[in-house]
Amino acid sequence: LDAARHRILAAGFESLRLDDLARDVGVTKAGIVKSVGGKSTILLALGEQDRATRLEVLRHALALRTGLRRRLTDVVTRLYALDVPRLKLVQAYVGYLWFWTGADHDRAQSNVDGTLDLLCDLLRSANGHAAGPDRTDTLALRLMAGYVIGLRDLHHGRTEAAGATRLAVDFTLA
């Protein structure tokens, strides 16, 4: 997985070839498939590793006692600091969410649902219980969507991290 991460970050997910990866780690292509799976399963596993670091940021923010806008700004800033260096991997993972099937789809959907649940907890902790459950769910979805839009803008050089953060927070709270 480390070798796959290195290759994806250097050249993008589309250029990842299992034959090259096998050569990098000194095994056969069959050995790669048997131990970690094909390209999509490798991407899912790497995305789960990255998700774990994002969840740490969210859990840390749960304990903060700042207002909603400030807390979201701090969280999004920290998340972009994690994800911008691994943008090629994050973008591939987000894009692939549409294409996983079977057990991989279920795993990816469970990850999204778990992240949304934690975002709802964060929103409730920062907002008190002022927003009802439907509004909290909407805000969590808007935060996730705004974050991804900000990643796209960062990738295309349309903004810097501070601008992407403002976009994500403003989109969430609009």
C-alpha atoms as a PDB file:
ATOM      1  CA  LEU A   1       0.000   0.000   0.000  1.00  0.00           C
ATOM      2  CA  ASP A   2       2.864   2.386   0.736  1.00  0.00           C
ATOM      3  CA  ALA A   3       4.332   1.765  -2.706  1.00  0.00           C
ATOM      4  CA  ALA A   4       0.920   2.287  -4.317  1.00  0.00           C
ATOM      5  CA  ARG A   5       0.461   5.533  -2.374  1.00  0.00           C
ATOM      6  CA  HIS A   6       3.848   6.743  -3.567  1.00  0.00           C
ATOM      7  CA  ARG A   7       3.037   5.924  -7.207  1.00  0.00           C
ATOM      8  CA  ILE A   8      -0.406   7.554  -7.073  1.00  0.00           C
ATOM      9  CA  LEU A   9       0.919  10.715  -5.454  1.00  0.00           C
ATOM     10  CA  ALA A  10       3.693  10.934  -8.042  1.00  0.00           C
ATOM     11  CA  ALA A  11       1.739  10.204 -11.211  1.00  0.00           C
ATOM     12  CA  GLY A  12      -1.977   9.845 -10.397  1.00  0.00           C
ATOM     13  CA  PHE A  13      -4.264   6.870  -9.945  1.00  0.00           C
ATOM     14  CA  GLU A  14      -4.811   6.371 -13.673  1.00  0.00           C
ATOM     15  CA  SER A  15      -1.128   5.637 -14.152  1.00  0.00           C
ATOM     16  CA  LEU A  16      -0.980   2.987 -11.412  1.00  0.00           C
ATOM     17  CA  ARG A  17      -0.111  -0.369 -12.979  1.00  0.00           C
ATOM     18  CA  LEU A  18      -0.076  -3.512 -10.884  1.00  0.00           C
ATOM     19  CA  ASP A  19       2.913  -4.854 -12.829  1.00  0.00           C
ATOM     20  CA  ASP A  20       4.943  -1.768 -11.911  1.00  0.00           C
ATOM     21  CA  LEU A  21       3.767  -1.939  -8.316  1.00  0.00           C
ATOM     22  CA  ALA A  22       4.766  -5.606  -8.101  1.00  0.00           C
ATOM     23  CA  ARG A  23       8.220  -4.766  -9.428  1.00  0.00           C
ATOM     24  CA  ASP A  24       8.541  -1.943  -6.866  1.00  0.00           C
ATOM     25  CA  VAL A  25       7.961  -4.293  -3.945  1.00  0.00           C
ATOM     26  CA  GLY A  26       9.636  -7.396  -5.393  1.00  0.00           C
ATOM     27  CA  VAL A  27       6.624  -9.669  -5.783  1.00  0.00           C
ATOM     28  CA  THR A  28       4.480 -10.887  -8.632  1.00  0.00           C
ATOM     29  CA  LYS A  29       1.347  -9.160  -9.873  1.00  0.00           C
ATOM     30  CA  ALA A  30      -0.604 -12.157  -8.561  1.00  0.00           C
ATOM     31  CA  GLY A  31       1.001 -11.584  -5.172  1.00  0.00           C
ATOM     32  CA  ILE A  32      -0.233  -7.987  -5.177  1.00  0.00           C
ATOM     33  CA  VAL A  33      -3.765  -9.037  -6.091  1.00  0.00           C
ATOM     34  CA  LYS A  34      -3.772 -11.796  -3.478  1.00  0.00           C
ATOM     35  CA  SER A  35      -2.439  -9.605  -0.657  1.00  0.00           C
ATOM     36  CA  VAL A  36      -4.153  -6.232  -1.259  1.00  0.00           C
ATOM     37  CA  GLY A  37      -6.423  -6.711  -4.264  1.00  0.00           C
ATOM     38  CA  GLY A  38      -6.794  -4.885  -7.546  1.00  0.00           C
ATOM     39  CA  LYS A  39      -6.487  -1.192  -8.216  1.00  0.00           C
ATOM     40  CA  SER A  40      -9.914  -0.259  -6.878  1.00  0.00           C
ATOM     41  CA  THR A  41      -9.411  -2.219  -3.665  1.00  0.00           C
ATOM     42  CA  ILE A  42      -5.992  -0.624  -3.213  1.00  0.00           C
ATOM     43  CA  LEU A  43      -7.583   2.810  -3.662  1.00  0.00           C
ATOM     44  CA  LEU A  44     -10.279   1.952  -1.126  1.00  0.00           C
ATOM     45  CA  ALA A  45      -7.697   0.814   1.432  1.00  0.00           C
ATOM     46  CA  LEU A  46      -5.604   3.957   0.932  1.00  0.00           C
ATOM     47  CA  GLY A  47      -8.731   6.096   1.213  1.00  0.00           C
ATOM     48  CA  GLU A  48      -9.557   4.399   4.510  1.00  0.00           C
ATOM     49  CA  GLN A  49      -6.085   5.186   5.828  1.00  0.00           C
ATOM     50  CA  ASP A  50      -6.533   8.829   4.887  1.00  0.00           C
ATOM     51  CA  ARG A  51     -10.045   8.879   6.333  1.00  0.00           C
ATOM     52  CA  ALA A  52      -8.647   7.771   9.692  1.00  0.00           C
ATOM     53  CA  THR A  53      -6.504  10.925   9.839  1.00  0.00           C
ATOM     54  CA  ARG A  54      -9.529  13.080   8.955  1.00  0.00           C
ATOM     55  CA  LEU A  55     -11.598  11.435  11.685  1.00  0.00           C
ATOM     56  CA  GLU A  56      -8.870  12.298  14.210  1.00  0.00           C
ATOM     57  CA  VAL A  57      -9.256  15.961  13.260  1.00  0.00           C
ATOM     58  CA  LEU A  58     -13.033  15.777  13.665  1.00  0.00           C
ATOM     59  CA  ARG A  59     -12.823  13.987  17.016  1.00  0.00           C
ATOM     60  CA  HIS A  60     -10.349  16.561  18.290  1.00  0.00           C
ATOM     61  CA  ALA A  61     -12.717  19.354  17.246  1.00  0.00           C
ATOM     62  CA  LEU A  62     -15.598  17.780  19.185  1.00  0.00           C
ATOM     63  CA  ALA A  63     -13.929  18.809  22.434  1.00  0.00           C
ATOM     64  CA  LEU A  64     -13.396  22.428  21.410  1.00  0.00           C
ATOM     65  CA  ARG A  65     -15.629  25.128  22.863  1.00  0.00           C
ATOM     66  CA  THR A  66     -15.735  27.561  19.974  1.00  0.00           C
ATOM     67  CA  GLY A  67     -18.672  28.747  17.909  1.00  0.00           C
ATOM     68  CA  LEU A  68     -19.849  26.962  14.818  1.00  0.00           C
ATOM     69  CA  ARG A  69     -18.200  29.155  12.165  1.00  0.00           C
ATOM     70  CA  ARG A  70     -14.847  29.232  13.945  1.00  0.00           C
ATOM     71  CA  ARG A  71     -14.880  25.511  14.648  1.00  0.00           C
ATOM     72  CA  LEU A  72     -15.745  24.675  11.045  1.00  0.00           C
ATOM     73  CA  THR A  73     -13.043  27.032   9.807  1.00  0.00           C
ATOM     74  CA  ASP A  74     -10.463  25.386  12.066  1.00  0.00           C
ATOM     75  CA  VAL A  75     -11.545  21.880  11.041  1.00  0.00           C
ATOM     76  CA  VAL A  76     -11.607  22.588   7.317  1.00  0.00           C
ATOM     77  CA  THR A  77      -8.232  24.339   7.510  1.00  0.00           C
ATOM     78  CA  ARG A  78      -6.717  21.307   9.227  1.00  0.00           C
ATOM     79  CA  LEU A  79      -8.345  18.910   6.767  1.00  0.00           C
ATOM     80  CA  TYR A  80      -6.990  20.803   3.754  1.00  0.00           C
ATOM     81  CA  ALA A  81      -3.539  20.746   5.363  1.00  0.00           C
ATOM     82  CA  LEU A  82      -3.836  16.942   5.372  1.00  0.00           C
ATOM     83  CA  ASP A  83      -5.448  16.488   1.973  1.00  0.00           C
ATOM     84  CA  VAL A  84      -3.692  18.998  -0.271  1.00  0.00           C
ATOM     85  CA  PRO A  85      -0.390  17.044  -0.225  1.00  0.00           C
ATOM     86  CA  ARG A  86      -2.294  13.861  -1.079  1.00  0.00           C
ATOM     87  CA  LEU A  87      -4.714  15.498  -3.504  1.00  0.00           C
ATOM     88  CA  LYS A  88      -4.173  13.020  -6.356  1.00  0.00           C
ATOM     89  CA  LEU A  89      -5.193  10.201  -4.060  1.00  0.00           C
ATOM     90  CA  VAL A  90      -8.140  12.031  -2.475  1.00  0.00           C
ATOM     91  CA  GLN A  91      -9.533  13.026  -5.862  1.00  0.00           C
ATOM     92  CA  ALA A  92      -9.279   9.484  -7.171  1.00  0.00           C
ATOM     93  CA  TYR A  93     -11.063   8.172  -4.079  1.00  0.00           C
ATOM     94  CA  VAL A  94     -13.876  10.730  -4.341  1.00  0.00           C
ATOM     95  CA  GLY A  95     -14.261  10.056  -8.053  1.00  0.00           C
ATOM     96  CA  TYR A  96     -14.293   6.322  -7.565  1.00  0.00           C
ATOM     97  CA  LEU A  97     -17.156   6.483  -5.051  1.00  0.00           C
ATOM     98  CA  TRP A  98     -19.494   6.237  -8.045  1.00  0.00           C
ATOM     99  CA  PHE A  99     -17.982   3.030  -9.385  1.00  0.00           C
ATOM    100  CA  TRP A 100     -17.379   0.641  -6.511  1.00  0.00           C
ATOM    101  CA  THR A 101     -19.729  -2.321  -6.488  1.00  0.00           C
ATOM    102  CA  GLY A 102     -20.550  -5.169  -4.154  1.00  0.00           C
ATOM    103  CA  ALA A 103     -18.555  -5.391  -0.946  1.00  0.00           C
ATOM    104  CA  ASP A 104     -16.291  -2.502  -1.983  1.00  0.00           C
ATOM    105  CA  HIS A 105     -19.340  -0.278  -2.462  1.00  0.00           C
ATOM    106  CA  ASP A 106     -20.715  -1.286   0.923  1.00  0.00           C
ATOM    107  CA  ARG A 107     -17.356  -0.534   2.555  1.00  0.00           C
ATOM    108  CA  ALA A 108     -17.097   2.868   0.860  1.00  0.00           C
ATOM    109  CA  GLN A 109     -20.697   3.747   1.733  1.00  0.00           C
ATOM    110  CA  SER A 110     -20.124   2.764   5.340  1.00  0.00           C
ATOM    111  CA  ASN A 111     -17.105   5.101   5.415  1.00  0.00           C
ATOM    112  CA  VAL A 112     -19.148   7.993   4.019  1.00  0.00           C
ATOM    113  CA  ASP A 113     -22.005   7.319   6.443  1.00  0.00           C
ATOM    114  CA  GLY A 114     -19.633   7.137   9.409  1.00  0.00           C
ATOM    115  CA  THR A 115     -17.972  10.388   8.408  1.00  0.00           C
ATOM    116  CA  LEU A 116     -21.347  12.091   8.035  1.00  0.00           C
ATOM    117  CA  ASP A 117     -22.361  10.841  11.492  1.00  0.00           C
ATOM    118  CA  LEU A 118     -19.219  12.337  13.015  1.00  0.00           C
ATOM    119  CA  LEU A 119     -19.784  15.603  11.132  1.00  0.00           C
ATOM    120  CA  CYS A 120     -23.307  15.708  12.603  1.00  0.00           C
ATOM    121  CA  ASP A 121     -21.847  15.187  16.085  1.00  0.00           C
ATOM    122  CA  LEU A 122     -19.407  18.025  15.432  1.00  0.00           C
ATOM    123  CA  LEU A 123     -22.171  20.336  14.213  1.00  0.00           C
ATOM    124  CA  ARG A 124     -24.351  19.534  17.221  1.00  0.00           C
ATOM    125  CA  SER A 125     -21.471  20.102  19.636  1.00  0.00           C
ATOM    126  CA  ALA A 126     -20.684  23.487  18.093  1.00  0.00           C
ATOM    127  CA  ASN A 127     -24.271  24.569  17.558  1.00  0.00           C
ATOM    128  CA  GLY A 128     -25.751  23.261  20.771  1.00  0.00           C
ATOM    129  CA  HIS A 129     -28.916  21.450  19.866  1.00  0.00           C
ATOM    130  CA  ALA A 130     -30.318  24.541  18.146  1.00  0.00           C
ATOM    131  CA  ALA A 131     -30.641  22.806  14.782  1.00  0.00           C
ATOM    132  CA  GLY A 132     -32.981  19.865  14.387  1.00  0.00           C
ATOM    133  CA  PRO A 133     -31.769  16.521  13.069  1.00  0.00           C
ATOM    134  CA  ASP A 134     -32.817  17.238   9.473  1.00  0.00           C
ATOM    135  CA  ARG A 135     -31.005  20.582   9.480  1.00  0.00           C
ATOM    136  CA  THR A 136     -27.917  18.994  11.042  1.00  0.00           C
ATOM    137  CA  ASP A 137     -27.908  16.281   8.351  1.00  0.00           C
ATOM    138  CA  THR A 138     -28.205  18.956   5.663  1.00  0.00           C
ATOM    139  CA  LEU A 139     -25.347  20.976   7.151  1.00  0.00           C
ATOM    140  CA  ALA A 140     -23.137  17.865   7.304  1.00  0.00           C
ATOM    141  CA  LEU A 141     -23.840  17.090   3.648  1.00  0.00           C
ATOM    142  CA  ARG A 142     -23.200  20.703   2.690  1.00  0.00           C
ATOM    143  CA  LEU A 143     -19.900  20.664   4.579  1.00  0.00           C
ATOM    144  CA  MET A 144     -18.795  17.509   2.792  1.00  0.00           C
ATOM    145  CA  ALA A 145     -19.854  18.892  -0.603  1.00  0.00           C
ATOM    146  CA  GLY A 146     -18.275  22.296   0.006  1.00  0.00           C
ATOM    147  CA  TYR A 147     -15.061  20.604   1.070  1.00  0.00           C
ATOM    148  CA  VAL A 148     -14.911  18.566  -2.131  1.00  0.00           C
ATOM    149  CA  ILE A 149     -15.672  21.650  -4.253  1.00  0.00           C
ATOM    150  CA  GLY A 150     -12.816  23.410  -2.471  1.00  0.00           C
ATOM    151  CA  LEU A 151     -10.511  20.483  -3.263  1.00  0.00           C
ATOM    152  CA  ARG A 152     -11.456  20.780  -6.927  1.00  0.00           C
ATOM    153  CA  ASP A 153     -10.723  24.512  -6.890  1.00  0.00           C
ATOM    154  CA  LEU A 154      -7.375  23.886  -5.198  1.00  0.00           C
ATOM    155  CA  HIS A 155      -6.495  21.268  -7.795  1.00  0.00           C
ATOM    156  CA  HIS A 156      -7.248  23.647 -10.663  1.00  0.00           C
ATOM    157  CA  GLY A 157      -5.406  26.551  -9.044  1.00  0.00           C
ATOM    158  CA  ARG A 158      -8.581  28.644  -8.696  1.00  0.00           C
ATOM    159  CA  THR A 159      -7.936  29.338  -5.033  1.00  0.00           C
ATOM    160  CA  GLU A 160      -5.537  28.858  -2.149  1.00  0.00           C
ATOM    161  CA  ALA A 161      -6.317  26.869   1.014  1.00  0.00           C
ATOM    162  CA  ALA A 162      -7.754  29.914   2.828  1.00  0.00           C
ATOM    163  CA  GLY A 163     -10.139  30.598  -0.056  1.00  0.00           C
ATOM    164  CA  ALA A 164     -11.191  26.946  -0.248  1.00  0.00           C
ATOM    165  CA  THR A 165     -11.823  27.001   3.504  1.00  0.00           C
ATOM    166  CA  ARG A 166     -14.021  30.091   3.225  1.00  0.00           C
ATOM    167  CA  LEU A 167     -15.919  28.494   0.352  1.00  0.00           C
ATOM    168  CA  ALA A 168     -16.572  25.268   2.291  1.00  0.00           C
ATOM    169  CA  VAL A 169     -17.645  27.070   5.499  1.00  0.00           C
ATOM    170  CA  ASP A 170     -19.784  29.665   3.693  1.00  0.00           C
ATOM    171  CA  PHE A 171     -21.434  26.948   1.586  1.00  0.00           C
ATOM    172  CA  THR A 172     -22.194  24.971   4.732  1.00  0.00           C
ATOM    173  CA  LEU A 173     -23.706  27.875   6.640  1.00  0.00           C
ATOM    174  CA  ALA A 174     -25.483  29.602   3.739  1.00  0.00           C
END
